[in-house]
Amino acid sequence: MAIKTNNHKINNHKKSTRKNISNKTSFFKNITAKKVIFTIILALIILFIFSNSIQNGVKSSGKSMRVLEWLVGLCPQINISEYFIRKLGHFCEFFILGIFLTLTFYIYTNNISKHIFKILFIGLFIPVCDETIQIFSDGRTALVSDVLLDFLGTLSGIIIMLLFIAFIINRKRRN
């Protein structure tokens, strides 16, 4: 009977060890999958931003007008200009960039505070590249004010995500 008890303990230990290894393996697969997914999303956002910059002035203006017409159709009493729509578009696409830039760094490092300057640098570098691309697009101009607006959008996304991450971390600590 003692031998069966020892074997039972040994078998349970083996099962427990296999389960722990399996849990660790699936954890790392999940982390790797998250890294790949968020990296791809971030790359697609950057490609979207740059593809908008490559468009000539007529195409870009046409997109803004379609958004404006859609908004007016939704709310006829709205009174905004195409210029406002264009600037709002700049802010929004870079706001989304800031969110995913921060999330991607967080998934890779799990310690965002050590990498905040890298995030801010990339968050400024992409708007500078975006406006530089516009120099070579017909009917488009590169404006320092657009770089600042784009960076403000990125910075807003970064701050929102930092607050969200801090909230989640504090909530986990309490539990």
Protein backbone atom coordinates (compact mmCIF):
# COMPACT_ATOMS: atom_id res chain seq x y z
CA MET A 1 0.00 0.00 0.00
CA ALA A 2 2.87 2.35 0.79
CA ILE A 3 4.32 1.85 -2.65
CA LYS A 4 1.02 2.75 -4.30
CA THR A 5 0.79 5.86 -2.15
CA ASN A 6 4.30 6.91 -3.16
CA ASN A 7 3.61 6.16 -6.82
CA HIS A 8 0.36 8.06 -6.54
CA LYS A 9 2.25 11.03 -5.11
CA ILE A 10 4.90 10.75 -7.82
CA ASN A 11 2.27 10.51 -10.57
CA ASN A 12 0.40 13.51 -9.15
CA HIS A 13 3.67 15.44 -9.01
CA LYS A 14 4.39 14.54 -12.67
CA LYS A 15 0.88 15.62 -13.69
CA SER A 16 1.23 18.84 -11.71
CA THR A 17 4.62 19.56 -13.29
CA ARG A 18 3.26 18.87 -16.78
CA LYS A 19 0.29 21.14 -16.07
CA ASN A 20 2.60 23.96 -14.88
CA ILE A 21 4.80 23.58 -17.95
CA SER A 22 1.70 23.51 -20.15
CA ASN A 23 0.36 26.67 -18.46
CA LYS A 24 3.71 28.42 -18.91
CA THR A 25 3.89 27.35 -22.55
CA SER A 26 0.38 28.61 -23.31
CA PHE A 27 1.16 31.83 -21.41
CA PHE A 28 4.22 32.45 -23.61
CA LYS A 29 2.27 31.54 -26.74
CA ASN A 30 -0.38 34.09 -25.71
CA ILE A 31 2.28 36.74 -25.07
CA THR A 32 3.95 35.98 -28.41
CA ALA A 33 0.58 36.12 -30.18
CA LYS A 34 -0.20 39.47 -28.53
CA LYS A 35 3.19 40.85 -29.57
CA VAL A 36 2.64 39.79 -33.17
CA ILE A 37 -0.94 41.07 -33.28
CA PHE A 38 -0.17 44.47 -31.75
CA THR A 39 2.96 44.89 -33.89
CA ILE A 40 0.91 44.20 -37.03
CA ILE A 41 -1.85 46.60 -35.93
CA LEU A 42 0.73 49.29 -35.19
CA ALA A 43 2.38 48.77 -38.59
CA LEU A 44 -1.01 48.97 -40.33
CA ILE A 45 -1.84 52.23 -38.53
CA ILE A 46 1.50 53.72 -39.64
CA LEU A 47 0.90 52.50 -43.21
CA PHE A 48 -2.59 54.05 -43.13
CA ILE A 49 -1.15 57.37 -41.97
CA PHE A 50 1.57 57.35 -44.63
CA SER A 51 -0.87 56.25 -47.35
CA ASN A 52 -3.01 59.29 -46.55
CA SER A 53 0.07 61.51 -46.92
CA ILE A 54 0.93 60.06 -50.33
CA GLN A 55 -2.45 61.07 -51.75
CA ASN A 56 -2.51 64.23 -53.79
CA GLY A 57 -4.38 67.30 -52.62
CA VAL A 58 -7.50 66.61 -54.70
CA LYS A 59 -7.94 63.05 -53.37
CA SER A 60 -7.25 64.12 -49.80
CA SER A 61 -9.72 66.99 -50.05
CA GLY A 62 -12.30 64.65 -51.58
CA LYS A 63 -12.03 62.31 -48.58
CA SER A 64 -12.51 65.22 -46.20
CA MET A 65 -15.55 66.41 -48.13
CA ARG A 66 -17.13 62.92 -48.01
CA VAL A 67 -16.67 62.85 -44.23
CA LEU A 68 -18.14 66.35 -43.96
CA GLU A 69 -21.15 65.38 -46.12
CA TRP A 70 -21.68 62.27 -43.99
CA LEU A 71 -21.62 64.35 -40.78
CA VAL A 72 -24.02 66.94 -42.22
CA GLY A 73 -26.33 64.10 -43.31
CA LEU A 74 -26.19 62.72 -39.78
CA CYS A 75 -26.76 66.08 -38.12
CA PRO A 76 -27.99 68.76 -40.57
CA GLN A 77 -27.57 71.65 -38.12
CA ILE A 78 -23.83 70.97 -37.78
CA ASN A 79 -21.71 73.83 -39.12
CA ILE A 80 -18.07 72.85 -39.56
CA SER A 81 -15.58 73.40 -42.33
CA GLU A 82 -13.54 71.00 -44.42
CA TYR A 83 -10.46 72.52 -42.77
CA PHE A 84 -11.74 71.45 -39.33
CA ILE A 85 -12.47 67.94 -40.65
CA ARG A 86 -8.92 67.68 -42.04
CA LYS A 87 -7.37 68.75 -38.74
CA LEU A 88 -9.68 66.47 -36.78
CA GLY A 89 -8.61 63.62 -39.06
CA HIS A 90 -4.96 64.39 -38.31
CA PHE A 91 -5.61 64.39 -34.58
CA CYS A 92 -7.70 61.20 -34.59
CA GLU A 93 -5.36 59.02 -36.64
CA PHE A 94 -2.43 60.03 -34.45
CA PHE A 95 -4.50 59.58 -31.27
CA ILE A 96 -5.05 55.96 -32.35
CA LEU A 97 -1.32 55.70 -33.11
CA GLY A 98 -0.51 56.86 -29.56
CA ILE A 99 -2.83 54.25 -28.07
CA PHE A 100 -1.36 51.35 -30.03
CA LEU A 101 2.22 52.57 -29.72
CA THR A 102 1.86 52.57 -25.93
CA LEU A 103 0.07 49.21 -25.83
CA THR A 104 2.67 47.60 -28.08
CA PHE A 105 5.53 48.82 -25.90
CA TYR A 106 3.68 47.66 -22.80
CA ILE A 107 3.17 44.16 -24.22
CA TYR A 108 6.86 43.89 -25.14
CA THR A 109 8.33 45.36 -21.97
CA ASN A 110 5.67 45.19 -19.25
CA ASN A 111 7.40 48.25 -17.74
CA ILE A 112 6.33 51.29 -19.69
CA SER A 113 8.07 53.89 -17.54
CA LYS A 114 11.54 52.77 -18.66
CA HIS A 115 10.58 53.27 -22.31
CA ILE A 116 8.51 56.46 -22.22
CA PHE A 117 11.14 58.51 -24.07
CA LYS A 118 11.31 55.91 -26.86
CA ILE A 119 7.54 56.07 -27.18
CA LEU A 120 7.58 59.88 -27.26
CA PHE A 121 10.41 59.91 -29.80
CA ILE A 122 8.59 57.52 -32.12
CA GLY A 123 5.40 59.49 -31.48
CA LEU A 124 7.14 62.62 -32.79
CA PHE A 125 9.21 60.92 -35.49
CA ILE A 126 6.17 59.53 -37.34
CA PRO A 127 4.43 62.95 -37.70
CA VAL A 128 7.70 64.44 -38.97
CA CYS A 129 7.96 61.64 -41.55
CA ASP A 130 4.28 62.08 -42.41
CA GLU A 131 4.69 65.77 -43.15
CA THR A 132 7.91 65.10 -45.07
CA ILE A 133 6.04 62.66 -47.32
CA GLN A 134 3.50 65.41 -48.06
CA ILE A 135 6.27 67.59 -49.52
CA PHE A 136 6.46 65.12 -52.41
CA SER A 137 2.67 64.80 -52.94
CA ASP A 138 1.06 67.08 -55.55
CA GLY A 139 -1.14 69.77 -54.06
CA ARG A 140 0.01 69.08 -50.49
CA THR A 141 2.22 71.06 -48.16
CA ALA A 142 4.18 70.17 -45.07
CA LEU A 143 3.29 72.31 -42.07
CA VAL A 144 4.99 72.53 -38.70
CA SER A 145 1.55 73.17 -37.19
CA ASP A 146 0.41 69.79 -38.55
CA VAL A 147 3.43 68.08 -36.94
CA LEU A 148 2.46 69.70 -33.64
CA LEU A 149 -1.21 68.73 -34.04
CA ASP A 150 -0.24 65.16 -34.96
CA PHE A 151 2.10 64.93 -31.98
CA LEU A 152 -0.63 66.33 -29.73
CA GLY A 153 -2.92 63.54 -30.96
CA THR A 154 -0.21 60.95 -30.33
CA LEU A 155 0.55 62.40 -26.90
CA SER A 156 -3.15 62.35 -26.00
CA GLY A 157 -3.36 58.66 -26.96
CA ILE A 158 -0.21 57.90 -24.96
CA ILE A 159 -1.53 59.69 -21.86
CA ILE A 160 -4.93 57.97 -22.07
CA MET A 161 -3.23 54.57 -22.32
CA LEU A 162 -0.78 55.32 -19.50
CA LEU A 163 -3.72 56.24 -17.26
CA PHE A 164 -5.58 53.10 -18.32
CA ILE A 165 -2.53 50.87 -17.68
CA ALA A 166 -1.96 52.49 -14.27
CA PHE A 167 -5.63 51.91 -13.41
CA ILE A 168 -5.42 48.23 -14.40
CA ILE A 169 -2.15 47.70 -12.48
CA ASN A 170 -3.56 49.35 -9.34
CA ARG A 171 -6.72 47.30 -9.61
CA LYS A 172 -4.69 44.06 -9.87
CA ARG A 173 -2.63 45.03 -6.83
CA ARG A 174 -5.76 45.57 -4.75
CA ASN A 175 -7.10 42.13 -5.65
